[in-house]
Amino acid sequence: MRLSILILFLCPYVQAAPYIEYKNEVKYLDSSHTSTVNHIIGGYEFKTGNLKLYGEAGYTTEGTSIEVGYKFKPLKNLTLKGKWEGVDREHKLETEVRYTF
């Protein structure tokens, strides 16, 4: 019950949108083509104020993939981004901090 009330209170401030994405990666070593990876992904993105959160899952030619992440702009010139991404048993954690002059 409390969660329902909280969701109703926050709804005017949160924008959410489902999406589907296709991505193609062509990998090279020097000038030689080594592999091609295709992705088909479904996801959901939430935005409120300076914060964006997203989650997505799908299939690639390398296996099943999952990704969750955020983008936060606490100051006009400062952006923080991070994500966790996994494909089958391999995964990575990535963080970016950008200051724009």
C-alpha atoms as a PDB file:
ATOM      1  CA  MET A   1       0.000   0.000   0.000  1.00  0.00           C
ATOM      2  CA  ARG A   2       2.759   2.433   0.913  1.00  0.00           C
ATOM      3  CA  LEU A   3       4.569   1.644  -2.336  1.00  0.00           C
ATOM      4  CA  SER A   4       1.398   2.392  -4.343  1.00  0.00           C
ATOM      5  CA  ILE A   5       1.034   5.773  -2.667  1.00  0.00           C
ATOM      6  CA  LEU A   6       4.713   6.567  -3.299  1.00  0.00           C
ATOM      7  CA  ILE A   7       4.398   5.602  -6.982  1.00  0.00           C
ATOM      8  CA  LEU A   8       1.287   7.763  -7.416  1.00  0.00           C
ATOM      9  CA  PHE A   9       3.068  10.685  -5.744  1.00  0.00           C
ATOM     10  CA  LEU A  10       6.167  10.373  -7.966  1.00  0.00           C
ATOM     11  CA  CYS A  11       4.387   9.689 -11.293  1.00  0.00           C
ATOM     12  CA  PRO A  12       4.174  13.345 -12.361  1.00  0.00           C
ATOM     13  CA  TYR A  13       7.944  13.689 -11.850  1.00  0.00           C
ATOM     14  CA  VAL A  14       9.123  10.476 -13.535  1.00  0.00           C
ATOM     15  CA  GLN A  15       9.218   9.885 -17.265  1.00  0.00           C
ATOM     16  CA  ALA A  16       9.510   6.270 -18.370  1.00  0.00           C
ATOM     17  CA  ALA A  17       9.741   4.731 -21.818  1.00  0.00           C
ATOM     18  CA  PRO A  18      10.233   1.201 -23.141  1.00  0.00           C
ATOM     19  CA  TYR A  19      12.479   0.775 -26.166  1.00  0.00           C
ATOM     20  CA  ILE A  20      13.910  -1.785 -28.550  1.00  0.00           C
ATOM     21  CA  GLU A  21      17.385  -1.387 -30.026  1.00  0.00           C
ATOM     22  CA  TYR A  22      19.443  -3.060 -32.748  1.00  0.00           C
ATOM     23  CA  LYS A  23      23.198  -2.592 -32.694  1.00  0.00           C
ATOM     24  CA  ASN A  24      25.906  -3.894 -35.027  1.00  0.00           C
ATOM     25  CA  GLU A  25      29.610  -4.014 -34.067  1.00  0.00           C
ATOM     26  CA  VAL A  26      32.331  -4.714 -36.610  1.00  0.00           C
ATOM     27  CA  LYS A  27      35.676  -5.440 -34.936  1.00  0.00           C
ATOM     28  CA  TYR A  28      39.110  -5.004 -36.493  1.00  0.00           C
ATOM     29  CA  LEU A  29      42.699  -5.773 -35.572  1.00  0.00           C
ATOM     30  CA  ASP A  30      44.804  -3.202 -37.409  1.00  0.00           C
ATOM     31  CA  SER A  31      43.050  -3.191 -40.795  1.00  0.00           C
ATOM     32  CA  SER A  32      41.856  -6.821 -40.726  1.00  0.00           C
ATOM     33  CA  HIS A  33      38.240  -7.665 -39.911  1.00  0.00           C
ATOM     34  CA  THR A  34      38.113 -10.058 -36.935  1.00  0.00           C
ATOM     35  CA  SER A  35      34.404 -10.422 -36.099  1.00  0.00           C
ATOM     36  CA  THR A  36      30.907  -9.012 -36.319  1.00  0.00           C
ATOM     37  CA  VAL A  37      28.505  -8.895 -33.380  1.00  0.00           C
ATOM     38  CA  ASN A  38      24.779  -8.181 -33.739  1.00  0.00           C
ATOM     39  CA  HIS A  39      22.578  -7.169 -30.791  1.00  0.00           C
ATOM     40  CA  ILE A  40      18.794  -7.067 -30.411  1.00  0.00           C
ATOM     41  CA  ILE A  41      17.833  -5.570 -27.053  1.00  0.00           C
ATOM     42  CA  GLY A  42      14.680  -4.507 -25.243  1.00  0.00           C
ATOM     43  CA  GLY A  43      14.860  -2.037 -22.395  1.00  0.00           C
ATOM     44  CA  TYR A  44      13.175   0.460 -20.149  1.00  0.00           C
ATOM     45  CA  GLU A  45      14.409   3.945 -19.279  1.00  0.00           C
ATOM     46  CA  PHE A  46      13.332   6.138 -16.363  1.00  0.00           C
ATOM     47  CA  LYS A  47      14.067   9.881 -16.169  1.00  0.00           C
ATOM     48  CA  THR A  48      13.469  12.238 -13.291  1.00  0.00           C
ATOM     49  CA  GLY A  49      15.177  15.593 -12.959  1.00  0.00           C
ATOM     50  CA  ASN A  50      18.946  15.147 -13.450  1.00  0.00           C
ATOM     51  CA  LEU A  51      18.863  11.332 -13.140  1.00  0.00           C
ATOM     52  CA  LYS A  52      18.368   8.704 -15.837  1.00  0.00           C
ATOM     53  CA  LEU A  53      18.189   4.978 -14.984  1.00  0.00           C
ATOM     54  CA  TYR A  54      17.843   2.142 -17.484  1.00  0.00           C
ATOM     55  CA  GLY A  55      17.787  -1.617 -17.727  1.00  0.00           C
ATOM     56  CA  GLU A  56      17.919  -3.777 -20.815  1.00  0.00           C
ATOM     57  CA  ALA A  57      18.223  -7.412 -21.847  1.00  0.00           C
ATOM     58  CA  GLY A  58      18.521  -9.220 -25.128  1.00  0.00           C
ATOM     59  CA  TYR A  59      20.496 -11.475 -27.404  1.00  0.00           C
ATOM     60  CA  THR A  60      23.774 -11.023 -29.247  1.00  0.00           C
ATOM     61  CA  THR A  61      25.715 -13.301 -31.549  1.00  0.00           C
ATOM     62  CA  GLU A  62      28.008 -13.828 -28.509  1.00  0.00           C
ATOM     63  CA  GLY A  63      25.164 -14.874 -26.148  1.00  0.00           C
ATOM     64  CA  THR A  64      22.526 -13.438 -23.820  1.00  0.00           C
ATOM     65  CA  SER A  65      23.148  -9.886 -22.580  1.00  0.00           C
ATOM     66  CA  ILE A  66      21.938  -7.785 -19.649  1.00  0.00           C
ATOM     67  CA  GLU A  67      22.816  -4.162 -18.874  1.00  0.00           C
ATOM     68  CA  VAL A  68      21.763  -1.728 -16.142  1.00  0.00           C
ATOM     69  CA  GLY A  69      23.049   1.792 -15.744  1.00  0.00           C
ATOM     70  CA  TYR A  70      22.599   5.416 -14.793  1.00  0.00           C
ATOM     71  CA  LYS A  71      23.460   8.936 -15.903  1.00  0.00           C
ATOM     72  CA  PHE A  72      23.434  11.733 -13.337  1.00  0.00           C
ATOM     73  CA  LYS A  73      24.175  15.427 -13.806  1.00  0.00           C
ATOM     74  CA  PRO A  74      24.582  16.906 -10.290  1.00  0.00           C
ATOM     75  CA  LEU A  75      26.090  20.176 -11.603  1.00  0.00           C
ATOM     76  CA  LYS A  76      25.793  22.074 -14.869  1.00  0.00           C
ATOM     77  CA  ASN A  77      29.277  21.005 -16.041  1.00  0.00           C
ATOM     78  CA  LEU A  78      29.582  17.613 -14.288  1.00  0.00           C
ATOM     79  CA  THR A  79      28.166  14.322 -15.605  1.00  0.00           C
ATOM     80  CA  LEU A  80      28.460  10.922 -13.902  1.00  0.00           C
ATOM     81  CA  LYS A  81      27.690   7.727 -15.846  1.00  0.00           C
ATOM     82  CA  GLY A  82      27.932   4.105 -14.882  1.00  0.00           C
ATOM     83  CA  LYS A  83      26.787   0.691 -16.032  1.00  0.00           C
ATOM     84  CA  TRP A  84      27.081  -3.016 -15.367  1.00  0.00           C
ATOM     85  CA  GLU A  85      27.026  -5.175 -18.477  1.00  0.00           C
ATOM     86  CA  GLY A  86      27.037  -8.947 -18.734  1.00  0.00           C
ATOM     87  CA  VAL A  87      27.126 -11.326 -21.699  1.00  0.00           C
ATOM     88  CA  ASP A  88      26.698 -14.936 -20.600  1.00  0.00           C
ATOM     89  CA  ARG A  89      29.474 -15.487 -18.009  1.00  0.00           C
ATOM     90  CA  GLU A  90      31.572 -12.386 -18.862  1.00  0.00           C
ATOM     91  CA  HIS A  91      30.714  -9.042 -17.291  1.00  0.00           C
ATOM     92  CA  LYS A  92      32.136  -5.583 -16.696  1.00  0.00           C
ATOM     93  CA  LEU A  93      31.520  -2.497 -14.593  1.00  0.00           C
ATOM     94  CA  GLU A  94      32.128   0.881 -16.236  1.00  0.00           C
ATOM     95  CA  THR A  95      32.141   4.377 -14.687  1.00  0.00           C
ATOM     96  CA  GLU A  96      32.643   7.738 -16.410  1.00  0.00           C
ATOM     97  CA  VAL A  97      33.111  11.187 -14.881  1.00  0.00           C
ATOM     98  CA  ARG A  98      32.973  14.111 -17.325  1.00  0.00           C
ATOM     99  CA  TYR A  99      33.597  17.767 -16.599  1.00  0.00           C
ATOM    100  CA  THR A 100      32.785  20.124 -19.462  1.00  0.00           C
ATOM    101  CA  PHE A 101      34.578  23.476 -19.664  1.00  0.00           C
END
